[in-house]
């Protein structure tokens, strides 16, 4: 994992082909209506139950793999990041923030999903990931990392 201190420099060094792997998901996301398949709770043995869970769609899994492959998940205190919580609102303008901010937002969503299963799928369903990726694509292609 890249440190927070070196994160902006790392983002600028990511090859265009790596960014494009992630940006190619935008059209797939736009064409997708269902981002996961819920699995109901069920009794597996006398007195034992399997808790309900969700199986993420292929695009969600691909997104997860790509953000780790190109190393845009940065270690920082995302739990207490007030700006990140504010950015999860439906009317937040992602064009007004930096590439680093957008990647931190992706980090917060991905890391939160590890502790609260379904957060990532909900971010897809609410079109937050789509909107983040569009803003990220526009900024990266312009070379505007600020």
C-alpha atoms as a PDB file:
ATOM      1  CA  UNK A   1       0.000   0.000   0.000  1.00  0.00           C
ATOM      2  CA  UNK A   2       1.200   3.489  -0.821  1.00  0.00           C
ATOM      3  CA  UNK A   3       1.565   5.830   2.153  1.00  0.00           C
ATOM      4  CA  UNK A   4      -0.677   8.876   2.440  1.00  0.00           C
ATOM      5  CA  UNK A   5       2.375  11.153   2.244  1.00  0.00           C
ATOM      6  CA  UNK A   6       3.345   9.747  -1.180  1.00  0.00           C
ATOM      7  CA  UNK A   7      -0.178   9.172  -2.445  1.00  0.00           C
ATOM      8  CA  UNK A   8      -0.530  12.169  -4.779  1.00  0.00           C
ATOM      9  CA  UNK A   9       2.798  11.432  -6.424  1.00  0.00           C
ATOM     10  CA  UNK A  10       1.803   7.788  -6.822  1.00  0.00           C
ATOM     11  CA  UNK A  11      -1.487   8.764  -8.483  1.00  0.00           C
ATOM     12  CA  UNK A  12       0.386  10.869 -11.046  1.00  0.00           C
ATOM     13  CA  UNK A  13       2.691   7.932 -11.808  1.00  0.00           C
ATOM     14  CA  UNK A  14      -0.085   5.438 -12.595  1.00  0.00           C
ATOM     15  CA  UNK A  15       0.110   4.596 -16.310  1.00  0.00           C
ATOM     16  CA  UNK A  16      -2.820   5.676 -18.474  1.00  0.00           C
ATOM     17  CA  UNK A  17      -3.479   2.030 -19.381  1.00  0.00           C
ATOM     18  CA  UNK A  18      -4.033   1.201 -15.689  1.00  0.00           C
ATOM     19  CA  UNK A  19      -6.460   4.090 -15.228  1.00  0.00           C
ATOM     20  CA  UNK A  20      -8.303   2.993 -18.371  1.00  0.00           C
ATOM     21  CA  UNK A  21      -8.922  -0.458 -16.850  1.00  0.00           C
ATOM     22  CA  UNK A  22     -11.015   1.285 -14.238  1.00  0.00           C
ATOM     23  CA  UNK A  23     -12.601   3.819 -16.582  1.00  0.00           C
ATOM     24  CA  UNK A  24     -13.707   1.017 -18.931  1.00  0.00           C
ATOM     25  CA  UNK A  25     -16.024  -0.121 -16.134  1.00  0.00           C
ATOM     26  CA  UNK A  26     -18.134   3.057 -16.464  1.00  0.00           C
ATOM     27  CA  UNK A  27     -20.122   1.816 -19.450  1.00  0.00           C
ATOM     28  CA  UNK A  28     -20.610  -1.578 -17.774  1.00  0.00           C
ATOM     29  CA  UNK A  29     -21.835   0.123 -14.589  1.00  0.00           C
ATOM     30  CA  UNK A  30     -24.229   2.295 -16.607  1.00  0.00           C
ATOM     31  CA  UNK A  31     -25.671  -0.819 -18.269  1.00  0.00           C
ATOM     32  CA  UNK A  32     -26.040  -2.717 -14.982  1.00  0.00           C
ATOM     33  CA  UNK A  33     -29.157  -2.612 -12.847  1.00  0.00           C
ATOM     34  CA  UNK A  34     -28.347  -5.267 -10.258  1.00  0.00           C
ATOM     35  CA  UNK A  35     -25.002  -5.126  -8.457  1.00  0.00           C
ATOM     36  CA  UNK A  36     -25.425  -8.113  -6.178  1.00  0.00           C
ATOM     37  CA  UNK A  37     -27.494 -11.172  -5.474  1.00  0.00           C
ATOM     38  CA  UNK A  38     -28.847 -11.491  -1.936  1.00  0.00           C
ATOM     39  CA  UNK A  39     -28.696 -14.904  -0.287  1.00  0.00           C
ATOM     40  CA  UNK A  40     -31.283 -15.526   2.413  1.00  0.00           C
ATOM     41  CA  UNK A  41     -30.451 -16.808   5.877  1.00  0.00           C
ATOM     42  CA  UNK A  42     -30.837 -20.556   6.133  1.00  0.00           C
ATOM     43  CA  UNK A  43     -30.527 -23.228   8.739  1.00  0.00           C
ATOM     44  CA  UNK A  44     -27.457 -25.352   7.978  1.00  0.00           C
ATOM     45  CA  UNK A  45     -27.501 -27.687  10.983  1.00  0.00           C
ATOM     46  CA  UNK A  46     -29.828 -28.280  13.866  1.00  0.00           C
ATOM     47  CA  UNK A  47     -29.755 -24.952  15.693  1.00  0.00           C
ATOM     48  CA  UNK A  48     -27.135 -23.318  13.412  1.00  0.00           C
ATOM     49  CA  UNK A  49     -27.927 -20.668  10.848  1.00  0.00           C
ATOM     50  CA  UNK A  50     -26.013 -19.177   7.991  1.00  0.00           C
ATOM     51  CA  UNK A  51     -26.450 -15.409   8.075  1.00  0.00           C
ATOM     52  CA  UNK A  52     -27.783 -13.653   4.976  1.00  0.00           C
ATOM     53  CA  UNK A  53     -25.191 -12.221   2.628  1.00  0.00           C
ATOM     54  CA  UNK A  54     -24.860 -10.890  -0.880  1.00  0.00           C
ATOM     55  CA  UNK A  55     -22.822 -12.125  -3.833  1.00  0.00           C
ATOM     56  CA  UNK A  56     -21.419  -9.086  -5.666  1.00  0.00           C
ATOM     57  CA  UNK A  57     -21.881  -8.825  -9.422  1.00  0.00           C
ATOM     58  CA  UNK A  58     -18.927  -9.221 -11.765  1.00  0.00           C
ATOM     59  CA  UNK A  59     -18.529  -5.457 -12.246  1.00  0.00           C
ATOM     60  CA  UNK A  60     -18.337  -4.908  -8.472  1.00  0.00           C
ATOM     61  CA  UNK A  61     -15.728  -7.664  -8.138  1.00  0.00           C
ATOM     62  CA  UNK A  62     -13.755  -6.291 -11.094  1.00  0.00           C
ATOM     63  CA  UNK A  63     -13.811  -2.789  -9.600  1.00  0.00           C
ATOM     64  CA  UNK A  64     -12.564  -4.115  -6.264  1.00  0.00           C
ATOM     65  CA  UNK A  65      -9.720  -5.986  -7.973  1.00  0.00           C
ATOM     66  CA  UNK A  66      -8.682  -3.023 -10.125  1.00  0.00           C
ATOM     67  CA  UNK A  67      -8.558  -0.465  -7.307  1.00  0.00           C
ATOM     68  CA  UNK A  68      -6.198  -2.794  -5.452  1.00  0.00           C
ATOM     69  CA  UNK A  69      -4.188  -3.699  -8.550  1.00  0.00           C
ATOM     70  CA  UNK A  70      -3.428  -0.079  -9.458  1.00  0.00           C
ATOM     71  CA  UNK A  71      -2.991   0.775  -5.785  1.00  0.00           C
ATOM     72  CA  UNK A  72      -5.441   3.617  -5.311  1.00  0.00           C
ATOM     73  CA  UNK A  73      -6.463   2.375  -1.862  1.00  0.00           C
ATOM     74  CA  UNK A  74      -4.550   4.564   0.576  1.00  0.00           C
ATOM     75  CA  UNK A  75      -4.185   4.030   4.325  1.00  0.00           C
ATOM     76  CA  UNK A  76      -5.718   6.960   6.204  1.00  0.00           C
ATOM     77  CA  UNK A  77      -8.245   7.508   8.978  1.00  0.00           C
ATOM     78  CA  UNK A  78     -11.308   7.068   6.769  1.00  0.00           C
ATOM     79  CA  UNK A  79     -13.530   6.254   9.757  1.00  0.00           C
ATOM     80  CA  UNK A  80     -13.270   9.803  11.095  1.00  0.00           C
ATOM     81  CA  UNK A  81     -13.138  11.521   7.692  1.00  0.00           C
ATOM     82  CA  UNK A  82     -16.044  14.001   7.893  1.00  0.00           C
ATOM     83  CA  UNK A  83     -15.522  15.295   4.336  1.00  0.00           C
ATOM     84  CA  UNK A  84     -15.905  11.749   3.043  1.00  0.00           C
ATOM     85  CA  UNK A  85     -19.226  11.271   4.791  1.00  0.00           C
ATOM     86  CA  UNK A  86     -20.424  14.560   3.300  1.00  0.00           C
ATOM     87  CA  UNK A  87     -19.327  13.382  -0.166  1.00  0.00           C
ATOM     88  CA  UNK A  88     -21.655  10.386   0.011  1.00  0.00           C
ATOM     89  CA  UNK A  89     -24.698  12.663  -0.376  1.00  0.00           C
ATOM     90  CA  UNK A  90     -26.661  12.271  -3.612  1.00  0.00           C
ATOM     91  CA  UNK A  91     -26.118  15.880  -4.689  1.00  0.00           C
ATOM     92  CA  UNK A  92     -22.364  16.091  -3.968  1.00  0.00           C
ATOM     93  CA  UNK A  93     -20.371  17.532  -6.893  1.00  0.00           C
ATOM     94  CA  UNK A  94     -17.381  15.241  -7.479  1.00  0.00           C
ATOM     95  CA  UNK A  95     -16.024  17.602 -10.149  1.00  0.00           C
ATOM     96  CA  UNK A  96     -15.054  20.065  -7.399  1.00  0.00           C
ATOM     97  CA  UNK A  97     -12.571  17.783  -5.605  1.00  0.00           C
ATOM     98  CA  UNK A  98      -9.102  16.430  -6.375  1.00  0.00           C
ATOM     99  CA  UNK A  99      -8.089  13.047  -7.755  1.00  0.00           C
ATOM    100  CA  UNK A 100      -6.629  12.271  -4.348  1.00  0.00           C
ATOM    101  CA  UNK A 101      -9.968  13.069  -2.665  1.00  0.00           C
ATOM    102  CA  UNK A 102     -11.844  10.827  -5.119  1.00  0.00           C
ATOM    103  CA  UNK A 103      -9.420   7.964  -4.488  1.00  0.00           C
ATOM    104  CA  UNK A 104      -9.737   8.455  -0.744  1.00  0.00           C
ATOM    105  CA  UNK A 105     -13.488   8.260  -1.156  1.00  0.00           C
ATOM    106  CA  UNK A 106     -13.095   4.979  -3.042  1.00  0.00           C
ATOM    107  CA  UNK A 107     -10.806   3.795  -0.232  1.00  0.00           C
ATOM    108  CA  UNK A 108     -13.389   4.687   2.417  1.00  0.00           C
ATOM    109  CA  UNK A 109     -16.132   2.814   0.560  1.00  0.00           C
ATOM    110  CA  UNK A 110     -14.009  -0.280  -0.102  1.00  0.00           C
ATOM    111  CA  UNK A 111     -12.618  -0.398   3.439  1.00  0.00           C
ATOM    112  CA  UNK A 112     -16.041   0.212   4.992  1.00  0.00           C
ATOM    113  CA  UNK A 113     -17.426  -2.710   2.970  1.00  0.00           C
ATOM    114  CA  UNK A 114     -14.947  -4.983   4.704  1.00  0.00           C
ATOM    115  CA  UNK A 115     -16.599  -4.210   8.026  1.00  0.00           C
ATOM    116  CA  UNK A 116     -20.179  -3.613   6.825  1.00  0.00           C
ATOM    117  CA  UNK A 117     -20.930  -6.037   4.015  1.00  0.00           C
ATOM    118  CA  UNK A 118     -22.960  -4.437   1.247  1.00  0.00           C
ATOM    119  CA  UNK A 119     -21.584  -0.900   1.457  1.00  0.00           C
ATOM    120  CA  UNK A 120     -19.761  -1.270  -1.865  1.00  0.00           C
ATOM    121  CA  UNK A 121     -22.796  -2.726  -3.623  1.00  0.00           C
ATOM    122  CA  UNK A 122     -24.981   0.094  -2.276  1.00  0.00           C
ATOM    123  CA  UNK A 123     -22.475   2.664  -3.549  1.00  0.00           C
ATOM    124  CA  UNK A 124     -22.907   1.099  -6.993  1.00  0.00           C
ATOM    125  CA  UNK A 125     -26.706   0.954  -6.709  1.00  0.00           C
ATOM    126  CA  UNK A 126     -26.849   4.602  -5.613  1.00  0.00           C
ATOM    127  CA  UNK A 127     -24.642   5.458  -8.647  1.00  0.00           C
ATOM    128  CA  UNK A 128     -21.988   6.968  -6.360  1.00  0.00           C
ATOM    129  CA  UNK A 129     -19.185   4.806  -7.800  1.00  0.00           C
ATOM    130  CA  UNK A 130     -20.291   5.691 -11.333  1.00  0.00           C
ATOM    131  CA  UNK A 131     -20.249   9.417 -10.542  1.00  0.00           C
ATOM    132  CA  UNK A 132     -16.853   9.153  -8.817  1.00  0.00           C
ATOM    133  CA  UNK A 133     -15.366   7.269 -11.784  1.00  0.00           C
ATOM    134  CA  UNK A 134     -16.697   9.791 -14.306  1.00  0.00           C
ATOM    135  CA  UNK A 135     -15.186  12.696 -12.342  1.00  0.00           C
ATOM    136  CA  UNK A 136     -11.954  10.749 -11.888  1.00  0.00           C
ATOM    137  CA  UNK A 137     -11.770   9.908 -15.604  1.00  0.00           C
ATOM    138  CA  UNK A 138     -12.310  13.530 -16.617  1.00  0.00           C
ATOM    139  CA  UNK A 139      -9.647  14.815 -14.240  1.00  0.00           C
ATOM    140  CA  UNK A 140      -7.037  12.149 -15.008  1.00  0.00           C
ATOM    141  CA  UNK A 141      -7.434  12.492 -18.777  1.00  0.00           C
ATOM    142  CA  UNK A 142      -6.947  16.265 -18.450  1.00  0.00           C
ATOM    143  CA  UNK A 143      -3.960  15.757 -16.152  1.00  0.00           C
ATOM    144  CA  UNK A 144      -5.779  17.793 -13.480  1.00  0.00           C
ATOM    145  CA  UNK A 145      -4.777  16.069 -10.250  1.00  0.00           C
ATOM    146  CA  UNK A 146      -5.484  19.125  -8.071  1.00  0.00           C
END
